[in-house]
Structures are given as structure tokens and as C-alpha cells.
Amino acid sequence: MHLRLCLECGHVGCCDSSHNKHATKHFHHTQHPVMRSFEPGETWGWCYVDEVELDLE
């Protein structure tokens, strides 16, 4: 399981590899579109609206 951070409100949820997919559920509930990896050393993000990976360095 890996964690994702919502860049709009700071909510932390688990990734889509987890059983509950909390990060994606957060997007569907709030429409906050951009999450970033909350894992040490990772600098990428994901935009749910455009379905693209983002470089957040």
C-alpha cells in the first residue's frame, strides 16, 4: 500500500493498489483533482481529470 496526498486539502489516502482505494474515493467525493505521492523520495503526482502523471519536482 502506498499513500497519496491531496494537493487541495491535504487529505492522505491509500493508492489504487489497496483494497479501499481511498485516494480515488476522495477525488470522487470532493472533485479535488490532483494528488501526489506521499512516499519518501517520490516527486510525481496524478491529475484525475486529465488522467495524466505530473512531475512535481
PDB file of N, CA and C in Angstrom:
ATOM      1  N   MET A   1       0.850  -1.173   0.000  1.00  0.00           N
ATOM      2  CA  MET A   1       0.000   0.000   0.000  1.00  0.00           C
ATOM      3  C   MET A   1       0.894   1.235   0.000  1.00  0.00           C
ATOM      4  N   HIS A   2       0.536   2.207  -0.821  1.00  0.00           N
ATOM      5  CA  HIS A   2       1.258   3.475  -0.888  1.00  0.00           C
ATOM      6  C   HIS A   2       0.267   4.596  -0.633  1.00  0.00           C
ATOM      7  N   LEU A   3       0.768   5.700  -0.107  1.00  0.00           N
ATOM      8  CA  LEU A   3      -0.108   6.817   0.252  1.00  0.00           C
ATOM      9  C   LEU A   3      -0.038   7.926  -0.771  1.00  0.00           C
ATOM     10  N   ARG A   4      -1.165   8.630  -0.906  1.00  0.00           N
ATOM     11  CA  ARG A   4      -1.292   9.769  -1.818  1.00  0.00           C
ATOM     12  C   ARG A   4      -1.806  10.969  -1.031  1.00  0.00           C
ATOM     13  N   LEU A   5      -1.312  12.163  -1.365  1.00  0.00           N
ATOM     14  CA  LEU A   5      -1.659  13.403  -0.693  1.00  0.00           C
ATOM     15  C   LEU A   5      -2.456  14.296  -1.631  1.00  0.00           C
ATOM     16  N   CYS A   6      -3.626  14.732  -1.208  1.00  0.00           N
ATOM     17  CA  CYS A   6      -4.426  15.676  -1.995  1.00  0.00           C
ATOM     18  C   CYS A   6      -3.776  17.049  -1.902  1.00  0.00           C
ATOM     19  N   LEU A   7      -3.467  17.654  -3.035  1.00  0.00           N
ATOM     20  CA  LEU A   7      -2.801  18.955  -3.027  1.00  0.00           C
ATOM     21  C   LEU A   7      -3.772  20.103  -2.764  1.00  0.00           C
ATOM     22  N   GLU A   8      -5.058  19.830  -2.738  1.00  0.00           N
ATOM     23  CA  GLU A   8      -6.024  20.893  -2.450  1.00  0.00           C
ATOM     24  C   GLU A   8      -6.317  21.013  -0.955  1.00  0.00           C
ATOM     25  N   CYS A   9      -6.464  19.885  -0.263  1.00  0.00           N
ATOM     26  CA  CYS A   9      -6.878  19.960   1.145  1.00  0.00           C
ATOM     27  C   CYS A   9      -5.966  19.220   2.112  1.00  0.00           C
ATOM     28  N   GLY A  10      -5.003  18.442   1.597  1.00  0.00           N
ATOM     29  CA  GLY A  10      -4.077  17.735   2.467  1.00  0.00           C
ATOM     30  C   GLY A  10      -4.530  16.356   2.928  1.00  0.00           C
ATOM     31  N   HIS A  11      -5.655  15.888   2.424  1.00  0.00           N
ATOM     32  CA  HIS A  11      -6.131  14.541   2.773  1.00  0.00           C
ATOM     33  C   HIS A  11      -5.127  13.499   2.298  1.00  0.00           C
ATOM     34  N   VAL A  12      -4.845  12.513   3.140  1.00  0.00           N
ATOM     35  CA  VAL A  12      -3.953  11.418   2.769  1.00  0.00           C
ATOM     36  C   VAL A  12      -4.784  10.149   2.646  1.00  0.00           C
ATOM     37  N   GLY A  13      -4.670   9.480   1.500  1.00  0.00           N
ATOM     38  CA  GLY A  13      -5.407   8.242   1.265  1.00  0.00           C
ATOM     39  C   GLY A  13      -4.532   7.219   0.579  1.00  0.00           C
ATOM     40  N   CYS A  14      -4.958   5.974   0.640  1.00  0.00           N
ATOM     41  CA  CYS A  14      -4.177   4.896   0.040  1.00  0.00           C
ATOM     42  C   CYS A  14      -4.407   4.836  -1.482  1.00  0.00           C
ATOM     43  N   CYS A  15      -3.451   4.233  -2.157  1.00  0.00           N
ATOM     44  CA  CYS A  15      -3.434   4.176  -3.615  1.00  0.00           C
ATOM     45  C   CYS A  15      -4.437   3.154  -4.158  1.00  0.00           C
ATOM     46  N   ASP A  16      -4.539   3.090  -5.477  1.00  0.00           N
ATOM     47  CA  ASP A  16      -5.470   2.168  -6.120  1.00  0.00           C
ATOM     48  C   ASP A  16      -5.027   0.704  -6.027  1.00  0.00           C
ATOM     49  N   SER A  17      -3.805   0.448  -5.600  1.00  0.00           N
ATOM     50  CA  SER A  17      -3.375  -0.931  -5.383  1.00  0.00           C
ATOM     51  C   SER A  17      -3.942  -1.495  -4.083  1.00  0.00           C
ATOM     52  N   SER A  18      -4.426  -0.612  -3.223  1.00  0.00           N
ATOM     53  CA  SER A  18      -5.001  -1.066  -1.959  1.00  0.00           C
ATOM     54  C   SER A  18      -6.449  -1.502  -2.169  1.00  0.00           C
ATOM     55  N   HIS A  19      -6.975  -2.203  -1.211  1.00  0.00           N
ATOM     56  CA  HIS A  19      -8.349  -2.710  -1.307  1.00  0.00           C
ATOM     57  C   HIS A  19      -9.383  -1.575  -1.369  1.00  0.00           C
ATOM     58  N   ASN A  20      -9.197  -0.537  -0.564  1.00  0.00           N
ATOM     59  CA  ASN A  20     -10.223   0.509  -0.456  1.00  0.00           C
ATOM     60  C   ASN A  20     -10.048   1.711  -1.379  1.00  0.00           C
ATOM     61  N   LYS A  21      -8.880   1.901  -1.954  1.00  0.00           N
ATOM     62  CA  LYS A  21      -8.630   2.986  -2.916  1.00  0.00           C
ATOM     63  C   LYS A  21      -9.108   4.341  -2.400  1.00  0.00           C
ATOM     64  N   HIS A  22      -8.670   4.704  -1.183  1.00  0.00           N
ATOM     65  CA  HIS A  22      -9.156   5.920  -0.542  1.00  0.00           C
ATOM     66  C   HIS A  22      -8.822   7.206  -1.301  1.00  0.00           C
ATOM     67  N   ALA A  23      -7.679   7.270  -1.971  1.00  0.00           N
ATOM     68  CA  ALA A  23      -7.325   8.487  -2.705  1.00  0.00           C
ATOM     69  C   ALA A  23      -8.307   8.727  -3.857  1.00  0.00           C
ATOM     70  N   THR A  24      -8.626   7.696  -4.603  1.00  0.00           N
ATOM     71  CA  THR A  24      -9.587   7.837  -5.704  1.00  0.00           C
ATOM     72  C   THR A  24     -10.983   8.133  -5.174  1.00  0.00           C
ATOM     73  N   LYS A  25     -11.369   7.495  -4.086  1.00  0.00           N
ATOM     74  CA  LYS A  25     -12.672   7.785  -3.480  1.00  0.00           C
ATOM     75  C   LYS A  25     -12.746   9.240  -3.039  1.00  0.00           C
ATOM     76  N   HIS A  26     -11.629   9.770  -2.513  1.00  0.00           N
ATOM     77  CA  HIS A  26     -11.585  11.178  -2.111  1.00  0.00           C
ATOM     78  C   HIS A  26     -11.845  12.080  -3.316  1.00  0.00           C
ATOM     79  N   PHE A  27     -11.218  11.782  -4.453  1.00  0.00           N
ATOM     80  CA  PHE A  27     -11.460  12.570  -5.666  1.00  0.00           C
ATOM     81  C   PHE A  27     -12.933  12.526  -6.061  1.00  0.00           C
ATOM     82  N   HIS A  28     -13.532  11.356  -6.079  1.00  0.00           N
ATOM     83  CA  HIS A  28     -14.937  11.242  -6.491  1.00  0.00           C
ATOM     84  C   HIS A  28     -15.875  11.968  -5.526  1.00  0.00           C
ATOM     85  N   HIS A  29     -15.517  11.999  -4.255  1.00  0.00           N
ATOM     86  CA  HIS A  29     -16.349  12.656  -3.251  1.00  0.00           C
ATOM     87  C   HIS A  29     -16.190  14.179  -3.275  1.00  0.00           C
ATOM     88  N   THR A  30     -14.956  14.666  -3.492  1.00  0.00           N
ATOM     89  CA  THR A  30     -14.669  16.103  -3.362  1.00  0.00           C
ATOM     90  C   THR A  30     -14.429  16.829  -4.679  1.00  0.00           C
ATOM     91  N   GLN A  31     -14.084  16.059  -5.729  1.00  0.00           N
ATOM     92  CA  GLN A  31     -13.652  16.618  -7.013  1.00  0.00           C
ATOM     93  C   GLN A  31     -12.316  17.367  -6.913  1.00  0.00           C
ATOM     94  N   HIS A  32     -11.510  17.087  -5.880  1.00  0.00           N
ATOM     95  CA  HIS A  32     -10.153  17.632  -5.799  1.00  0.00           C
ATOM     96  C   HIS A  32      -9.309  16.828  -6.776  1.00  0.00           C
ATOM     97  N   PRO A  33      -8.804  17.454  -7.855  1.00  0.00           N
ATOM     98  CA  PRO A  33      -8.266  16.693  -8.973  1.00  0.00           C
ATOM     99  C   PRO A  33      -6.828  16.201  -8.877  1.00  0.00           C
ATOM    100  N   VAL A  34      -5.977  16.819  -8.044  1.00  0.00           N
ATOM    101  CA  VAL A  34      -4.556  16.477  -8.100  1.00  0.00           C
ATOM    102  C   VAL A  34      -4.070  15.872  -6.783  1.00  0.00           C
ATOM    103  N   MET A  35      -3.489  14.694  -6.900  1.00  0.00           N
ATOM    104  CA  MET A  35      -2.852  14.000  -5.782  1.00  0.00           C
ATOM    105  C   MET A  35      -1.372  13.881  -6.099  1.00  0.00           C
ATOM    106  N   ARG A  36      -0.563  13.779  -5.061  1.00  0.00           N
ATOM    107  CA  ARG A  36       0.852  13.492  -5.255  1.00  0.00           C
ATOM    108  C   ARG A  36       1.222  12.308  -4.384  1.00  0.00           C
ATOM    109  N   SER A  37       2.293  11.651  -4.761  1.00  0.00           N
ATOM    110  CA  SER A  37       2.778  10.556  -3.943  1.00  0.00           C
ATOM    111  C   SER A  37       3.208  11.100  -2.591  1.00  0.00           C
ATOM    112  N   PHE A  38       2.885  10.394  -1.523  1.00  0.00           N
ATOM    113  CA  PHE A  38       3.278  10.766  -0.168  1.00  0.00           C
ATOM    114  C   PHE A  38       4.430   9.882   0.305  1.00  0.00           C
ATOM    115  N   GLU A  39       5.037   9.162  -0.644  1.00  0.00           N
ATOM    116  CA  GLU A  39       6.138   8.263  -0.335  1.00  0.00           C
ATOM    117  C   GLU A  39       7.463   9.030  -0.372  1.00  0.00           C
ATOM    118  N   PRO A  40       8.363   8.759   0.576  1.00  0.00           N
ATOM    119  CA  PRO A  40       9.664   9.445   0.603  1.00  0.00           C
ATOM    120  C   PRO A  40      10.417   9.285  -0.716  1.00  0.00           C
ATOM    121  N   GLY A  41      10.937  10.389  -1.221  1.00  0.00           N
ATOM    122  CA  GLY A  41      11.748  10.370  -2.435  1.00  0.00           C
ATOM    123  C   GLY A  41      10.970  10.380  -3.740  1.00  0.00           C
ATOM    124  N   GLU A  42       9.649  10.279  -3.690  1.00  0.00           N
ATOM    125  CA  GLU A  42       8.850  10.299  -4.918  1.00  0.00           C
ATOM    126  C   GLU A  42       8.315  11.712  -5.151  1.00  0.00           C
ATOM    127  N   THR A  43       8.421  12.199  -6.388  1.00  0.00           N
ATOM    128  CA  THR A  43       8.041  13.583  -6.700  1.00  0.00           C
ATOM    129  C   THR A  43       6.991  13.665  -7.800  1.00  0.00           C
ATOM    130  N   TRP A  44       6.235  12.613  -8.001  1.00  0.00           N
ATOM    131  CA  TRP A  44       5.233  12.611  -9.062  1.00  0.00           C
ATOM    132  C   TRP A  44       3.842  12.818  -8.471  1.00  0.00           C
ATOM    133  N   GLY A  45       2.953  13.246  -9.344  1.00  0.00           N
ATOM    134  CA  GLY A  45       1.556  13.411  -8.956  1.00  0.00           C
ATOM    135  C   GLY A  45       0.653  12.845 -10.032  1.00  0.00           C
ATOM    136  N   TRP A  46      -0.647  12.931  -9.790  1.00  0.00           N
ATOM    137  CA  TRP A  46      -1.639  12.416 -10.725  1.00  0.00           C
ATOM    138  C   TRP A  46      -2.810  13.373 -10.784  1.00  0.00           C
ATOM    139  N   CYS A  47      -3.240  13.720 -12.004  1.00  0.00           N
ATOM    140  CA  CYS A  47      -4.442  14.526 -12.201  1.00  0.00           C
ATOM    141  C   CYS A  47      -5.562  13.592 -12.627  1.00  0.00           C
ATOM    142  N   TYR A  48      -6.593  13.477 -11.790  1.00  0.00           N
ATOM    143  CA  TYR A  48      -7.715  12.591 -12.097  1.00  0.00           C
ATOM    144  C   TYR A  48      -8.550  13.111 -13.270  1.00  0.00           C
ATOM    145  N   VAL A  49      -8.647  14.418 -13.430  1.00  0.00           N
ATOM    146  CA  VAL A  49      -9.462  14.995 -14.505  1.00  0.00           C
ATOM    147  C   VAL A  49      -8.849  14.696 -15.872  1.00  0.00           C
ATOM    148  N   ASP A  50      -7.558  14.978 -16.015  1.00  0.00           N
ATOM    149  CA  ASP A  50      -6.880  14.782 -17.299  1.00  0.00           C
ATOM    150  C   ASP A  50      -6.271  13.389 -17.445  1.00  0.00           C
ATOM    151  N   GLU A  51      -6.253  12.618 -16.344  1.00  0.00           N
ATOM    152  CA  GLU A  51      -5.667  11.279 -16.328  1.00  0.00           C
ATOM    153  C   GLU A  51      -4.229  11.287 -16.835  1.00  0.00           C
ATOM    154  N   VAL A  52      -3.415  12.179 -16.233  1.00  0.00           N
ATOM    155  CA  VAL A  52      -2.003  12.279 -16.596  1.00  0.00           C
ATOM    156  C   VAL A  52      -1.148  12.318 -15.336  1.00  0.00           C
ATOM    157  N   GLU A  53       0.072  11.788 -15.470  1.00  0.00           N
ATOM    158  CA  GLU A  53       1.044  11.861 -14.401  1.00  0.00           C
ATOM    159  C   GLU A  53       1.736  13.206 -14.468  1.00  0.00           C
ATOM    160  N   LEU A  54       2.030  13.783 -13.322  1.00  0.00           N
ATOM    161  CA  LEU A  54       2.651  15.100 -13.233  1.00  0.00           C
ATOM    162  C   LEU A  54       4.024  14.986 -12.579  1.00  0.00           C
ATOM    163  N   ASP A  55       4.975  15.783 -13.056  1.00  0.00           N
ATOM    164  CA  ASP A  55       6.297  15.863 -12.428  1.00  0.00           C
ATOM    165  C   ASP A  55       6.246  17.043 -11.462  1.00  0.00           C
ATOM    166  N   LEU A  56       6.317  16.790 -10.176  1.00  0.00           N
ATOM    167  CA  LEU A  56       6.150  17.838  -9.160  1.00  0.00           C
ATOM    168  C   LEU A  56       7.453  18.194  -8.468  1.00  0.00           C
ATOM    169  N   GLU A  57       8.586  18.027  -9.135  1.00  0.00           N
ATOM    170  CA  GLU A  57       9.875  18.383  -8.553  1.00  0.00           C
ATOM    171  C   GLU A  57      10.010  19.855  -8.391  1.00  0.00           C
TER     172      GLU A  57
END
